Amino acid sequence: MPVFWKKVFLWGGVAFLIYFVAFRPDGAAQVCRSVGGGLMAMAQGMGDFLTGLTT
């Protein structure tokens, strides 16, 4: 993919993110909570796995 299109998609994503946060702050907060919860679950699973390896 040419560099031009990468920049177009990047700036389009940034513009959409700003629009989403500005006009749907509750929805944006819920997305952040969901993503954070998923990351925490993955980190917990990795910690459980590593604990299982050492015991």
Protein backbone atom coordinates (compact mmCIF):
# COMPACT_ATOMS: atom_id res chain seq x y z
CA MET A 1 0.00 0.00 0.00
CA PRO A 2 1.45 3.37 -0.94
CA VAL A 3 2.44 5.77 1.82
CA PHE A 4 -0.24 8.23 0.70
CA TRP A 5 -3.07 5.80 1.46
CA LYS A 6 -1.57 4.89 4.83
CA LYS A 7 -1.62 8.56 5.77
CA VAL A 8 -5.19 8.95 4.51
CA PHE A 9 -6.39 6.00 6.59
CA LEU A 10 -4.43 7.15 9.65
CA TRP A 11 -5.84 10.68 9.56
CA GLY A 12 -9.30 9.33 8.78
CA GLY A 13 -9.07 7.11 11.86
CA VAL A 14 -7.92 10.00 14.01
CA ALA A 15 -10.78 12.17 12.72
CA PHE A 16 -13.30 9.40 13.42
CA LEU A 17 -11.90 8.94 16.94
CA ILE A 18 -12.21 12.66 17.70
CA TYR A 19 -15.75 12.71 16.26
CA PHE A 20 -16.73 9.63 18.27
CA VAL A 21 -15.41 11.05 21.54
CA ALA A 22 -16.93 14.49 20.91
CA PHE A 23 -20.42 13.38 19.92
CA ARG A 24 -20.77 10.03 21.72
CA PRO A 25 -18.72 10.31 24.94
CA ASP A 26 -20.75 7.62 26.73
CA GLY A 27 -20.22 5.19 23.87
CA ALA A 28 -16.51 6.03 23.71
CA ALA A 29 -16.18 5.45 27.46
CA GLN A 30 -17.91 2.08 27.15
CA VAL A 31 -15.55 1.05 24.33
CA CYS A 32 -12.56 2.01 26.50
CA ARG A 33 -13.96 0.03 29.43
CA SER A 34 -14.50 -3.01 27.22
CA VAL A 35 -11.02 -2.84 25.70
CA GLY A 36 -9.46 -2.32 29.14
CA GLY A 37 -11.40 -5.26 30.55
CA GLY A 38 -10.24 -7.47 27.69
CA LEU A 39 -6.62 -6.44 28.18
CA MET A 40 -6.88 -7.11 31.92
CA ALA A 41 -8.34 -10.56 31.25
CA MET A 42 -5.48 -11.37 28.86
CA ALA A 43 -2.90 -10.16 31.39
CA GLN A 44 -4.56 -12.25 34.12
CA GLY A 45 -4.51 -15.31 31.86
CA MET A 46 -0.82 -14.77 31.05
CA GLY A 47 -0.04 -14.40 34.75
CA ASP A 48 -1.94 -17.60 35.55
CA PHE A 49 -0.05 -19.41 32.79
CA LEU A 50 3.35 -18.24 34.03
CA THR A 51 2.42 -19.10 37.61
CA GLY A 52 1.42 -22.58 36.46
CA LEU A 53 4.81 -23.03 34.79
CA THR A 54 6.75 -22.18 37.93
CA THR A 55 4.77 -24.30 40.39
